[in-house]
Amino acid sequence: MDPTDPPRAARRSAGEWLFQLTTITLGVLIALSFDALLQWNAERTLVNEARAMIALEIADNRRELEPHFASFGERIAKIDNGLKLVGELDAGVEPTVREVDLTFGFPSLNDAGWQTAERTGALALMEYPEVQQFAEIYELQSLFVDTLGPAFVAANHAGAIMNGTADPFGMSPASRDLLRARLFEVRAYFQLGHELGLQLANGYSKVDR
């Protein structure tokens, strides 16, 4: 053998090959486990943030809803006062109602936290019963909010009829009929919203503890 030739690599035993293979395998498994741990931690953080955001949003919505309930009787009384005036005008008697206030406050309920949790995929990582509870609350909230828009429109329409007449006590029969219809419409939406709102408040209370 030429002394200038490079030495041949020593043959590795089966034990050495097995040791190297085991080392590589363990390294891959550790890397995969570390990646899985990072993924699990990221998902847990996402879920916790979404849960906290939804809970805060529900607490805010609950506080927004409370004065709306407290003023329910006052709103109905305003509408009934307007209906009483229309009835007196129809009867041709001297009105005992001299003023009709058709200004109403409406709650502003948000669902940004719920929408964000859905779009970021946080809901898919939560337990099914928890997601179902949130979904039922926000569906009920949507139904409640849907009663506010028509009530607002009908109330504005009724107010326009009153304010668009130079002498509200001299409204024509057609105007009185239209005003009565709008007032009944507002009343119906308020009553429906009140029933839905009670259910919604009950749902809020189960989460906001």
N, C-alpha and C. Protein backbone atom coordinates (compact mmCIF):
# COMPACT_ATOMS: atom_id res chain seq x y z
N MET A 1 0.86 -1.20 0.00
CA MET A 1 0.00 0.00 0.00
C MET A 1 0.89 1.24 0.00
N ASP A 2 0.57 2.16 -0.82
CA ASP A 2 1.33 3.40 -0.92
C ASP A 2 1.17 4.18 0.36
N PRO A 3 2.32 4.53 0.99
CA PRO A 3 2.21 5.26 2.27
C PRO A 3 1.58 6.63 2.13
N THR A 4 1.54 7.11 0.87
CA THR A 4 0.93 8.44 0.69
C THR A 4 -0.58 8.37 0.60
N ASP A 5 -1.16 7.14 0.42
CA ASP A 5 -2.63 7.01 0.35
C ASP A 5 -3.24 7.36 1.70
N PRO A 6 -4.45 8.06 1.68
CA PRO A 6 -5.11 8.40 2.96
C PRO A 6 -5.60 7.14 3.63
N PRO A 7 -5.58 7.13 4.96
CA PRO A 7 -6.03 5.93 5.68
C PRO A 7 -7.51 5.67 5.45
N ARG A 8 -7.83 4.41 5.35
CA ARG A 8 -9.23 4.05 5.19
C ARG A 8 -9.98 4.30 6.49
N ALA A 9 -11.25 4.72 6.34
CA ALA A 9 -12.07 4.94 7.53
C ALA A 9 -12.34 3.62 8.20
N ALA A 10 -12.24 3.65 9.50
CA ALA A 10 -12.46 2.42 10.26
C ALA A 10 -13.91 1.98 10.13
N ARG A 11 -14.08 0.71 9.99
CA ARG A 11 -15.45 0.20 9.91
C ARG A 11 -16.18 0.42 11.23
N ARG A 12 -17.45 0.84 11.09
CA ARG A 12 -18.26 1.06 12.29
C ARG A 12 -18.98 -0.22 12.63
N SER A 13 -19.05 -0.47 13.91
CA SER A 13 -19.77 -1.65 14.37
C SER A 13 -21.26 -1.41 14.33
N ALA A 14 -22.04 -2.49 14.40
CA ALA A 14 -23.50 -2.37 14.42
C ALA A 14 -23.96 -1.54 15.61
N GLY A 15 -23.24 -1.68 16.70
CA GLY A 15 -23.62 -0.91 17.90
C GLY A 15 -23.45 0.58 17.69
N GLU A 16 -22.37 0.97 16.98
CA GLU A 16 -22.13 2.39 16.72
C GLU A 16 -23.21 2.95 15.78
N TRP A 17 -23.54 2.16 14.75
CA TRP A 17 -24.61 2.61 13.83
C TRP A 17 -25.94 2.76 14.58
N LEU A 18 -26.22 1.83 15.45
CA LEU A 18 -27.47 1.89 16.22
C LEU A 18 -27.47 3.09 17.15
N PHE A 19 -26.32 3.38 17.74
CA PHE A 19 -26.22 4.53 18.64
C PHE A 19 -26.47 5.83 17.89
N GLN A 20 -25.86 5.96 16.72
CA GLN A 20 -26.04 7.17 15.92
C GLN A 20 -27.48 7.33 15.45
N LEU A 21 -28.07 6.22 15.01
CA LEU A 21 -29.46 6.25 14.57
C LEU A 21 -30.38 6.65 15.71
N THR A 22 -30.11 6.10 16.89
CA THR A 22 -30.92 6.44 18.06
C THR A 22 -30.78 7.90 18.42
N THR A 23 -29.55 8.40 18.34
CA THR A 23 -29.29 9.82 18.66
C THR A 23 -30.03 10.74 17.70
N ILE A 24 -29.96 10.39 16.42
CA ILE A 24 -30.66 11.22 15.41
C ILE A 24 -32.17 11.18 15.64
N THR A 25 -32.67 9.97 15.91
CA THR A 25 -34.11 9.81 16.12
C THR A 25 -34.57 10.62 17.33
N LEU A 26 -33.80 10.52 18.42
CA LEU A 26 -34.15 11.29 19.61
C LEU A 26 -34.12 12.79 19.34
N GLY A 27 -33.15 13.21 18.56
CA GLY A 27 -33.07 14.64 18.21
C GLY A 27 -34.28 15.11 17.45
N VAL A 28 -34.70 14.28 16.49
CA VAL A 28 -35.90 14.63 15.71
C VAL A 28 -37.13 14.67 16.60
N LEU A 29 -37.25 13.67 17.48
CA LEU A 29 -38.41 13.61 18.37
C LEU A 29 -38.45 14.79 19.33
N ILE A 30 -37.27 15.17 19.83
CA ILE A 30 -37.21 16.33 20.73
C ILE A 30 -37.61 17.60 19.99
N ALA A 31 -37.14 17.74 18.74
CA ALA A 31 -37.48 18.92 17.94
C ALA A 31 -38.98 18.97 17.67
N LEU A 32 -39.53 17.80 17.32
CA LEU A 32 -40.98 17.75 17.06
C LEU A 32 -41.77 18.05 18.33
N SER A 33 -41.32 17.50 19.45
CA SER A 33 -42.00 17.74 20.72
C SER A 33 -41.94 19.22 21.09
N PHE A 34 -40.80 19.84 20.84
CA PHE A 34 -40.64 21.26 21.14
C PHE A 34 -41.57 22.10 20.27
N ASP A 35 -41.64 21.74 18.98
CA ASP A 35 -42.55 22.46 18.08
C ASP A 35 -44.01 22.27 18.52
N ALA A 36 -44.33 21.03 18.93
CA ALA A 36 -45.69 20.77 19.38
C ALA A 36 -46.00 21.55 20.64
N LEU A 37 -45.01 21.68 21.53
CA LEU A 37 -45.21 22.44 22.76
C LEU A 37 -45.43 23.91 22.46
N LEU A 38 -44.64 24.43 21.52
CA LEU A 38 -44.82 25.83 21.12
C LEU A 38 -46.20 26.04 20.51
N GLN A 39 -46.64 25.10 19.65
CA GLN A 39 -47.96 25.20 19.04
C GLN A 39 -49.06 25.14 20.08
N TRP A 40 -48.92 24.21 21.02
CA TRP A 40 -49.92 24.08 22.08
C TRP A 40 -49.99 25.34 22.92
N ASN A 41 -48.83 25.90 23.23
CA ASN A 41 -48.79 27.12 24.05
C ASN A 41 -49.41 28.29 23.31
N ALA A 42 -49.15 28.38 21.99
CA ALA A 42 -49.72 29.46 21.18
C ALA A 42 -51.25 29.33 21.11
N GLU A 43 -51.72 28.10 20.96
CA GLU A 43 -53.16 27.87 20.89
C GLU A 43 -53.83 28.17 22.23
N ARG A 44 -53.17 27.78 23.31
CA ARG A 44 -53.72 28.05 24.63
C ARG A 44 -53.80 29.56 24.88
N THR A 45 -52.76 30.29 24.47
CA THR A 45 -52.76 31.75 24.62
C THR A 45 -53.89 32.38 23.81
N LEU A 46 -54.06 31.88 22.57
CA LEU A 46 -55.12 32.40 21.71
C LEU A 46 -56.49 32.18 22.33
N VAL A 47 -56.71 30.98 22.86
CA VAL A 47 -58.01 30.66 23.48
C VAL A 47 -58.24 31.52 24.72
N ASN A 48 -57.22 31.66 25.56
CA ASN A 48 -57.37 32.46 26.78
C ASN A 48 -57.67 33.92 26.46
N GLU A 49 -56.98 34.45 25.45
CA GLU A 49 -57.22 35.84 25.05
C GLU A 49 -58.63 36.01 24.50
N ALA A 50 -59.08 35.05 23.68
CA ALA A 50 -60.42 35.13 23.11
C ALA A 50 -61.47 35.01 24.20
N ARG A 51 -61.25 34.08 25.12
CA ARG A 51 -62.21 33.90 26.22
C ARG A 51 -62.31 35.16 27.08
N ALA A 52 -61.17 35.77 27.38
CA ALA A 52 -61.16 36.99 28.18
C ALA A 52 -61.83 38.14 27.44
N MET A 53 -61.60 38.24 26.13
CA MET A 53 -62.20 39.31 25.33
C MET A 53 -63.72 39.16 25.28
N ILE A 54 -64.19 37.93 25.09
CA ILE A 54 -65.63 37.68 25.03
C ILE A 54 -66.28 37.97 26.37
N ALA A 55 -65.63 37.54 27.45
CA ALA A 55 -66.17 37.78 28.79
C ALA A 55 -66.27 39.27 29.08
N LEU A 56 -65.26 40.03 28.69
CA LEU A 56 -65.27 41.48 28.89
C LEU A 56 -66.37 42.13 28.06
N GLU A 57 -66.52 41.66 26.83
CA GLU A 57 -67.55 42.20 25.95
C GLU A 57 -68.95 41.93 26.50
N ILE A 58 -69.16 40.73 26.99
CA ILE A 58 -70.47 40.38 27.56
C ILE A 58 -70.75 41.21 28.80
N ALA A 59 -69.73 41.44 29.63
CA ALA A 59 -69.91 42.28 30.82
C ALA A 59 -70.29 43.70 30.43
N ASP A 60 -69.65 44.23 29.41
CA ASP A 60 -69.98 45.59 28.93
C ASP A 60 -71.39 45.64 28.37
N ASN A 61 -71.77 44.62 27.60
CA ASN A 61 -73.11 44.58 27.02
C ASN A 61 -74.17 44.46 28.12
N ARG A 62 -73.85 43.71 29.14
CA ARG A 62 -74.80 43.55 30.25
C ARG A 62 -75.04 44.89 30.95
N ARG A 63 -73.97 45.64 31.17
CA ARG A 63 -74.11 46.96 31.79
C ARG A 63 -74.88 47.92 30.88
N GLU A 64 -74.68 47.79 29.58
CA GLU A 64 -75.39 48.63 28.62
C GLU A 64 -76.88 48.32 28.61
N LEU A 65 -77.22 47.07 28.88
CA LEU A 65 -78.61 46.63 28.81
C LEU A 65 -79.40 47.02 30.05
N GLU A 66 -78.75 47.17 31.18
CA GLU A 66 -79.45 47.41 32.45
C GLU A 66 -80.30 48.68 32.43
N PRO A 67 -79.77 49.83 32.01
CA PRO A 67 -80.63 51.04 31.97
C PRO A 67 -81.76 50.93 30.96
N HIS A 68 -81.56 50.13 29.93
CA HIS A 68 -82.63 49.93 28.94
C HIS A 68 -83.81 49.24 29.60
N PHE A 69 -83.54 48.26 30.44
CA PHE A 69 -84.62 47.59 31.18
C PHE A 69 -85.27 48.54 32.17
N ALA A 70 -84.44 49.32 32.84
CA ALA A 70 -84.95 50.22 33.87
C ALA A 70 -85.92 51.26 33.30
N SER A 71 -85.72 51.62 32.04
CA SER A 71 -86.56 52.66 31.43
C SER A 71 -87.69 52.08 30.59
N PHE A 72 -87.90 50.77 30.66
CA PHE A 72 -88.94 50.14 29.84
C PHE A 72 -90.32 50.73 30.15
N GLY A 73 -90.67 50.83 31.42
CA GLY A 73 -91.97 51.37 31.80
C GLY A 73 -92.14 52.80 31.33
N GLU A 74 -91.07 53.58 31.41
CA GLU A 74 -91.13 54.97 30.97
C GLU A 74 -91.37 55.06 29.47
N ARG A 75 -90.72 54.21 28.70
CA ARG A 75 -90.91 54.23 27.25
C ARG A 75 -92.34 53.85 26.87
N ILE A 76 -92.86 52.82 27.51
CA ILE A 76 -94.24 52.41 27.23
C ILE A 76 -95.21 53.52 27.61
N ALA A 77 -94.94 54.21 28.73
CA ALA A 77 -95.81 55.30 29.17
C ALA A 77 -95.82 56.44 28.15
N LYS A 78 -94.66 56.72 27.55
CA LYS A 78 -94.59 57.76 26.53
C LYS A 78 -95.46 57.40 25.33
N ILE A 79 -95.36 56.14 24.92
CA ILE A 79 -96.15 55.69 23.76
C ILE A 79 -97.64 55.74 24.08
N ASP A 80 -98.01 55.25 25.25
CA ASP A 80 -99.42 55.25 25.65
C ASP A 80 -99.96 56.67 25.78
N ASN A 81 -99.09 57.59 26.16
CA ASN A 81 -99.49 59.00 26.24
C ASN A 81 -99.84 59.52 24.85
N GLY A 82 -99.02 59.13 23.85
CA GLY A 82 -99.32 59.54 22.48
C GLY A 82 -100.60 58.90 21.98
N LEU A 83 -100.83 57.65 22.31
CA LEU A 83 -102.06 56.97 21.89
C LEU A 83 -103.28 57.60 22.55
N LYS A 84 -103.11 58.03 23.79
CA LYS A 84 -104.21 58.69 24.48
C LYS A 84 -104.58 60.00 23.78
N LEU A 85 -103.55 60.75 23.36
CA LEU A 85 -103.82 62.01 22.65
C LEU A 85 -104.58 61.74 21.35
N VAL A 86 -104.14 60.73 20.60
CA VAL A 86 -104.82 60.40 19.35
C VAL A 86 -106.28 60.01 19.63
N GLY A 87 -106.49 59.24 20.67
CA GLY A 87 -107.86 58.84 21.01
C GLY A 87 -108.73 60.03 21.38
N GLU A 88 -108.17 60.97 22.11
CA GLU A 88 -108.93 62.17 22.50
C GLU A 88 -109.25 63.03 21.28
N LEU A 89 -108.29 63.14 20.37
CA LEU A 89 -108.54 63.91 19.15
C LEU A 89 -109.60 63.24 18.29
N ASP A 90 -109.58 61.91 18.23
CA ASP A 90 -110.61 61.19 17.48
C ASP A 90 -111.99 61.42 18.09
N ALA A 91 -112.01 61.49 19.40
CA ALA A 91 -113.29 61.65 20.09
C ALA A 91 -113.79 63.10 20.04
N GLY A 92 -112.95 64.01 19.63
CA GLY A 92 -113.33 65.41 19.53
C GLY A 92 -113.44 66.11 20.86
N VAL A 93 -112.76 65.59 21.89
CA VAL A 93 -112.81 66.21 23.22
C VAL A 93 -111.54 67.03 23.43
N GLU A 94 -111.60 67.88 24.43
CA GLU A 94 -110.43 68.69 24.76
C GLU A 94 -109.31 67.77 25.26
N PRO A 95 -108.15 67.78 24.59
CA PRO A 95 -107.07 66.85 24.99
C PRO A 95 -106.56 67.15 26.40
N THR A 96 -106.43 66.11 27.17
CA THR A 96 -105.79 66.23 28.49
C THR A 96 -104.28 66.06 28.35
N VAL A 97 -103.85 65.48 27.23
CA VAL A 97 -102.42 65.32 26.95
C VAL A 97 -101.95 66.55 26.19
N ARG A 98 -101.01 67.27 26.76
CA ARG A 98 -100.55 68.50 26.13
C ARG A 98 -99.16 68.36 25.52
N GLU A 99 -98.51 67.25 25.80
CA GLU A 99 -97.16 67.06 25.25
C GLU A 99 -96.89 65.57 25.09
N VAL A 100 -96.27 65.22 23.96
CA VAL A 100 -95.91 63.83 23.69
C VAL A 100 -94.41 63.77 23.41
N ASP A 101 -93.69 63.05 24.24
CA ASP A 101 -92.24 62.90 24.10
C ASP A 101 -91.94 61.55 23.47
N LEU A 102 -91.42 61.57 22.26
CA LEU A 102 -91.11 60.33 21.55
C LEU A 102 -89.61 60.13 21.36
N THR A 103 -88.82 60.67 22.29
CA THR A 103 -87.37 60.45 22.25
C THR A 103 -87.06 59.23 23.12
N PHE A 104 -86.28 58.32 22.55
CA PHE A 104 -85.95 57.08 23.24
C PHE A 104 -84.45 56.80 23.13
N GLY A 105 -83.91 56.22 24.17
CA GLY A 105 -82.52 55.79 24.13
C GLY A 105 -82.45 54.32 23.76
N PHE A 106 -81.43 53.96 23.03
CA PHE A 106 -81.26 52.57 22.59
C PHE A 106 -79.88 52.07 23.00
N PRO A 107 -79.79 50.85 23.53
CA PRO A 107 -78.49 50.31 23.94
C PRO A 107 -77.64 49.95 22.73
N SER A 108 -76.33 50.02 22.92
CA SER A 108 -75.39 49.64 21.87
C SER A 108 -74.65 48.38 22.33
N LEU A 109 -74.99 47.26 21.71
CA LEU A 109 -74.40 45.97 22.09
C LEU A 109 -73.38 45.54 21.04
N ASN A 110 -72.22 45.11 21.48
CA ASN A 110 -71.12 44.78 20.58
C ASN A 110 -70.92 43.26 20.46
N ASP A 111 -70.37 42.84 19.34
CA ASP A 111 -70.03 41.43 19.14
C ASP A 111 -68.64 41.27 18.50
N ALA A 112 -67.80 42.32 18.64
CA ALA A 112 -66.47 42.29 18.01
C ALA A 112 -65.61 41.17 18.59
N GLY A 113 -65.72 40.94 19.90
CA GLY A 113 -64.93 39.89 20.53
C GLY A 113 -65.29 38.52 19.99
N TRP A 114 -66.58 38.28 19.83
CA TRP A 114 -67.06 37.01 19.28
C TRP A 114 -66.62 36.83 17.84
N GLN A 115 -66.76 37.89 17.05
CA GLN A 115 -66.37 37.83 15.64
C GLN A 115 -64.87 37.60 15.50
N THR A 116 -64.08 38.25 16.34
CA THR A 116 -62.63 38.09 16.28
C THR A 116 -62.22 36.67 16.65
N ALA A 117 -62.85 36.12 17.68
CA ALA A 117 -62.54 34.74 18.09
C ALA A 117 -62.86 33.76 16.97
N GLU A 118 -63.92 34.03 16.24
CA GLU A 118 -64.29 33.15 15.13
C GLU A 118 -63.29 33.25 14.00
N ARG A 119 -62.87 34.46 13.67
CA ARG A 119 -61.99 34.66 12.52
C ARG A 119 -60.55 34.23 12.80
N THR A 120 -60.13 34.27 14.05
CA THR A 120 -58.77 33.84 14.38
C THR A 120 -58.68 32.34 14.61
N GLY A 121 -59.81 31.66 14.60
CA GLY A 121 -59.82 30.21 14.81
C GLY A 121 -59.84 29.80 16.27
N ALA A 122 -59.98 30.78 17.18
CA ALA A 122 -59.97 30.45 18.60
C ALA A 122 -61.17 29.58 18.99
N LEU A 123 -62.30 29.80 18.34
CA LEU A 123 -63.50 29.02 18.69
C LEU A 123 -63.29 27.54 18.40
N ALA A 124 -62.56 27.25 17.34
CA ALA A 124 -62.32 25.84 16.97
C ALA A 124 -61.45 25.13 17.99
N LEU A 125 -60.75 25.89 18.82
CA LEU A 125 -59.86 25.30 19.82
C LEU A 125 -60.52 25.19 21.19
N MET A 126 -61.71 25.75 21.34
CA MET A 126 -62.41 25.70 22.62
C MET A 126 -63.24 24.42 22.73
N GLU A 127 -63.66 24.14 23.96
CA GLU A 127 -64.55 23.01 24.19
C GLU A 127 -65.92 23.31 23.58
N TYR A 128 -66.56 22.28 23.04
CA TYR A 128 -67.84 22.46 22.35
C TYR A 128 -68.91 23.10 23.24
N PRO A 129 -69.10 22.64 24.50
CA PRO A 129 -70.15 23.25 25.32
C PRO A 129 -69.95 24.75 25.55
N GLU A 130 -68.69 25.17 25.67
CA GLU A 130 -68.41 26.59 25.87
C GLU A 130 -68.76 27.40 24.62
N VAL A 131 -68.36 26.89 23.47
CA VAL A 131 -68.67 27.58 22.21
C VAL A 131 -70.18 27.63 22.00
N GLN A 132 -70.86 26.55 22.32
CA GLN A 132 -72.32 26.51 22.17
C GLN A 132 -72.99 27.55 23.04
N GLN A 133 -72.50 27.71 24.27
CA GLN A 133 -73.07 28.72 25.17
C GLN A 133 -72.88 30.13 24.61
N PHE A 134 -71.67 30.43 24.14
CA PHE A 134 -71.41 31.74 23.55
C PHE A 134 -72.27 31.96 22.31
N ALA A 135 -72.38 30.93 21.48
CA ALA A 135 -73.15 31.06 20.23
C ALA A 135 -74.61 31.37 20.53
N GLU A 136 -75.18 30.71 21.52
CA GLU A 136 -76.58 30.95 21.88
C GLU A 136 -76.78 32.37 22.39
N ILE A 137 -75.83 32.86 23.18
CA ILE A 137 -75.93 34.23 23.71
C ILE A 137 -75.87 35.25 22.58
N TYR A 138 -74.91 35.09 21.68
CA TYR A 138 -74.76 36.07 20.61
C TYR A 138 -75.87 35.97 19.57
N GLU A 139 -76.44 34.80 19.40
CA GLU A 139 -77.60 34.67 18.51
C GLU A 139 -78.79 35.40 19.10
N LEU A 140 -79.00 35.25 20.39
CA LEU A 140 -80.08 35.94 21.08
C LEU A 140 -79.84 37.45 21.06
N GLN A 141 -78.59 37.85 21.23
CA GLN A 141 -78.25 39.26 21.17
C GLN A 141 -78.58 39.84 19.80
N SER A 142 -78.29 39.08 18.76
CA SER A 142 -78.59 39.52 17.39
C SER A 142 -80.09 39.71 17.20
N LEU A 143 -80.88 38.78 17.74
CA LEU A 143 -82.34 38.90 17.63
C LEU A 143 -82.82 40.15 18.37
N PHE A 144 -82.24 40.40 19.54
CA PHE A 144 -82.63 41.58 20.31
C PHE A 144 -82.30 42.86 19.54
N VAL A 145 -81.07 42.93 19.01
CA VAL A 145 -80.65 44.12 18.26
C VAL A 145 -81.55 44.34 17.04
N ASP A 146 -82.01 43.23 16.44
CA ASP A 146 -82.88 43.34 15.27
C ASP A 146 -84.21 44.02 15.59
N THR A 147 -84.62 44.04 16.85
CA THR A 147 -85.86 44.73 17.22
C THR A 147 -85.63 46.23 17.41
N LEU A 148 -84.39 46.63 17.61
CA LEU A 148 -84.11 48.04 17.90
C LEU A 148 -84.18 48.91 16.65
N GLY A 149 -83.67 48.38 15.52
CA GLY A 149 -83.68 49.17 14.29
C GLY A 149 -85.08 49.58 13.85
N PRO A 150 -86.01 48.63 13.71
CA PRO A 150 -87.38 48.99 13.31
C PRO A 150 -88.06 49.89 14.34
N ALA A 151 -87.77 49.67 15.63
CA ALA A 151 -88.36 50.53 16.66
C ALA A 151 -87.87 51.96 16.52
N PHE A 152 -86.59 52.12 16.23
CA PHE A 152 -86.01 53.45 16.04
C PHE A 152 -86.65 54.14 14.83
N VAL A 153 -86.80 53.39 13.73
CA VAL A 153 -87.39 53.96 12.51
C VAL A 153 -88.84 54.37 12.76
N ALA A 154 -89.60 53.49 13.41
CA ALA A 154 -91.01 53.78 13.66
C ALA A 154 -91.17 54.96 14.60
N ALA A 155 -90.29 55.06 15.61
CA ALA A 155 -90.34 56.18 16.56
C ALA A 155 -90.02 57.50 15.85
N ASN A 156 -89.03 57.47 14.96
CA ASN A 156 -88.70 58.68 14.20
C ASN A 156 -89.85 59.09 13.27
N HIS A 157 -90.50 58.08 12.68
CA HIS A 157 -91.62 58.35 11.80
C HIS A 157 -92.77 58.99 12.59
N ALA A 158 -93.04 58.44 13.78
CA ALA A 158 -94.10 59.00 14.61
C ALA A 158 -93.77 60.44 15.02
N GLY A 159 -92.49 60.66 15.38
CA GLY A 159 -92.09 62.01 15.75
C GLY A 159 -92.20 62.98 14.59
N ALA A 160 -91.89 62.49 13.38
CA ALA A 160 -91.99 63.36 12.20
C ALA A 160 -93.44 63.76 11.93
N ILE A 161 -94.37 62.84 12.20
CA ILE A 161 -95.79 63.16 12.01
C ILE A 161 -96.21 64.26 12.98
N MET A 162 -95.76 64.12 14.24
CA MET A 162 -96.10 65.12 15.25
C MET A 162 -95.47 66.47 14.93
N ASN A 163 -94.18 66.45 14.61
CA ASN A 163 -93.44 67.69 14.39
C ASN A 163 -93.74 68.31 13.02
N GLY A 164 -94.24 67.49 12.08
CA GLY A 164 -94.52 68.00 10.75
C GLY A 164 -95.87 68.69 10.64
N THR A 165 -96.60 68.71 11.72
CA THR A 165 -97.91 69.36 11.74
C THR A 165 -97.81 70.66 12.50
N ALA A 166 -98.25 71.76 11.87
CA ALA A 166 -98.17 73.06 12.53
C ALA A 166 -98.92 73.05 13.86
N ASP A 167 -100.05 72.40 13.88
CA ASP A 167 -100.84 72.28 15.11
C ASP A 167 -101.10 70.81 15.37
N PRO A 168 -100.28 70.15 16.23
CA PRO A 168 -100.46 68.72 16.49
C PRO A 168 -101.86 68.38 17.00
N PHE A 169 -102.52 69.35 17.63
CA PHE A 169 -103.86 69.09 18.15
C PHE A 169 -104.93 69.23 17.07
N GLY A 170 -104.49 69.65 15.90
CA GLY A 170 -105.42 69.76 14.78
C GLY A 170 -105.07 68.81 13.64
N MET A 171 -104.43 67.71 13.97
CA MET A 171 -104.04 66.74 12.94
C MET A 171 -105.27 66.20 12.22
N SER A 172 -105.10 65.93 10.95
CA SER A 172 -106.19 65.36 10.16
C SER A 172 -106.42 63.91 10.60
N PRO A 173 -107.60 63.35 10.31
CA PRO A 173 -107.85 61.94 10.65
C PRO A 173 -106.82 60.99 10.04
N ALA A 174 -106.38 61.29 8.81
CA ALA A 174 -105.39 60.43 8.16
C ALA A 174 -104.07 60.47 8.93
N SER A 175 -103.66 61.66 9.38
CA SER A 175 -102.42 61.79 10.14
C SER A 175 -102.54 61.10 11.49
N ARG A 176 -103.71 61.20 12.09
CA ARG A 176 -103.90 60.54 13.39
C ARG A 176 -103.84 59.01 13.22
N ASP A 177 -104.43 58.52 12.16
CA ASP A 177 -104.38 57.07 11.92
C ASP A 177 -102.94 56.60 11.70
N LEU A 178 -102.19 57.39 10.96
CA LEU A 178 -100.80 57.02 10.68
C LEU A 178 -99.96 57.07 11.95
N LEU A 179 -100.21 58.11 12.76
CA LEU A 179 -99.49 58.24 14.02
C LEU A 179 -99.81 57.07 14.95
N ARG A 180 -101.07 56.71 15.02
CA ARG A 180 -101.49 55.60 15.87
C ARG A 180 -100.80 54.30 15.43
N ALA A 181 -100.76 54.07 14.14
CA ALA A 181 -100.14 52.85 13.61
C ALA A 181 -98.66 52.81 13.97
N ARG A 182 -97.97 53.95 13.84
CA ARG A 182 -96.54 53.98 14.17
C ARG A 182 -96.31 53.78 15.66
N LEU A 183 -97.18 54.35 16.49
CA LEU A 183 -97.03 54.20 17.93
C LEU A 183 -97.25 52.75 18.36
N PHE A 184 -98.24 52.11 17.78
CA PHE A 184 -98.47 50.69 18.09
C PHE A 184 -97.28 49.85 17.62
N GLU A 185 -96.70 50.25 16.50
CA GLU A 185 -95.55 49.52 15.98
C GLU A 185 -94.35 49.63 16.93
N VAL A 186 -94.09 50.85 17.39
CA VAL A 186 -92.99 51.05 18.34
C VAL A 186 -93.25 50.25 19.61
N ARG A 187 -94.48 50.29 20.09
CA ARG A 187 -94.82 49.58 21.33
C ARG A 187 -94.59 48.07 21.18
N ALA A 188 -95.01 47.54 20.06
CA ALA A 188 -94.84 46.10 19.82
C ALA A 188 -93.37 45.71 19.79
N TYR A 189 -92.54 46.52 19.12
CA TYR A 189 -91.11 46.22 19.07
C TYR A 189 -90.47 46.33 20.45
N PHE A 190 -90.89 47.32 21.23
CA PHE A 190 -90.35 47.46 22.58
C PHE A 190 -90.73 46.26 23.45
N GLN A 191 -91.95 45.81 23.33
CA GLN A 191 -92.39 44.67 24.14
C GLN A 191 -91.65 43.39 23.74
N LEU A 192 -91.50 43.18 22.42
CA LEU A 192 -90.76 42.02 21.95
C LEU A 192 -89.31 42.11 22.40
N GLY A 193 -88.72 43.28 22.25
CA GLY A 193 -87.34 43.47 22.67
C GLY A 193 -87.16 43.25 24.16
N HIS A 194 -88.17 43.64 24.94
CA HIS A 194 -88.09 43.46 26.39
C HIS A 194 -88.03 41.97 26.75
N GLU A 195 -88.87 41.17 26.09
CA GLU A 195 -88.88 39.73 26.36
C GLU A 195 -87.56 39.09 25.93
N LEU A 196 -87.07 39.46 24.76
CA LEU A 196 -85.79 38.92 24.30
C LEU A 196 -84.65 39.40 25.19
N GLY A 197 -84.75 40.65 25.62
CA GLY A 197 -83.71 41.21 26.48
C GLY A 197 -83.61 40.51 27.82
N LEU A 198 -84.75 40.11 28.38
CA LEU A 198 -84.73 39.38 29.64
C LEU A 198 -84.00 38.05 29.48
N GLN A 199 -84.27 37.37 28.37
CA GLN A 199 -83.56 36.12 28.11
C GLN A 199 -82.07 36.37 27.89
N LEU A 200 -81.77 37.46 27.21
CA LEU A 200 -80.38 37.80 26.94
C LEU A 200 -79.64 38.13 28.24
N ALA A 201 -80.28 38.90 29.11
CA ALA A 201 -79.66 39.25 30.39
C ALA A 201 -79.39 38.00 31.22
N ASN A 202 -80.29 37.03 31.15
CA ASN A 202 -80.09 35.77 31.86
C ASN A 202 -78.88 35.03 31.30
N GLY A 203 -78.73 35.04 29.97
CA GLY A 203 -77.58 34.41 29.34
C GLY A 203 -76.29 35.12 29.72
N TYR A 204 -76.32 36.47 29.74
CA TYR A 204 -75.15 37.24 30.14
C TYR A 204 -74.71 36.85 31.55
N SER A 205 -75.69 36.74 32.45
CA SER A 205 -75.38 36.49 33.86
C SER A 205 -74.67 35.17 34.07
N LYS A 206 -74.90 34.20 33.20
CA LYS A 206 -74.26 32.90 33.34
C LYS A 206 -72.78 32.95 32.98
N VAL A 207 -72.41 33.96 32.19
CA VAL A 207 -71.02 34.10 31.78
C VAL A 207 -70.31 35.15 32.63
N ASP A 208 -71.01 36.27 32.89
CA ASP A 208 -70.42 37.40 33.62
C ASP A 208 -70.54 37.16 35.12
N ARG A 209 -69.68 36.30 35.64
CA ARG A 209 -69.68 36.00 37.10
C ARG A 209 -68.29 36.17 37.66
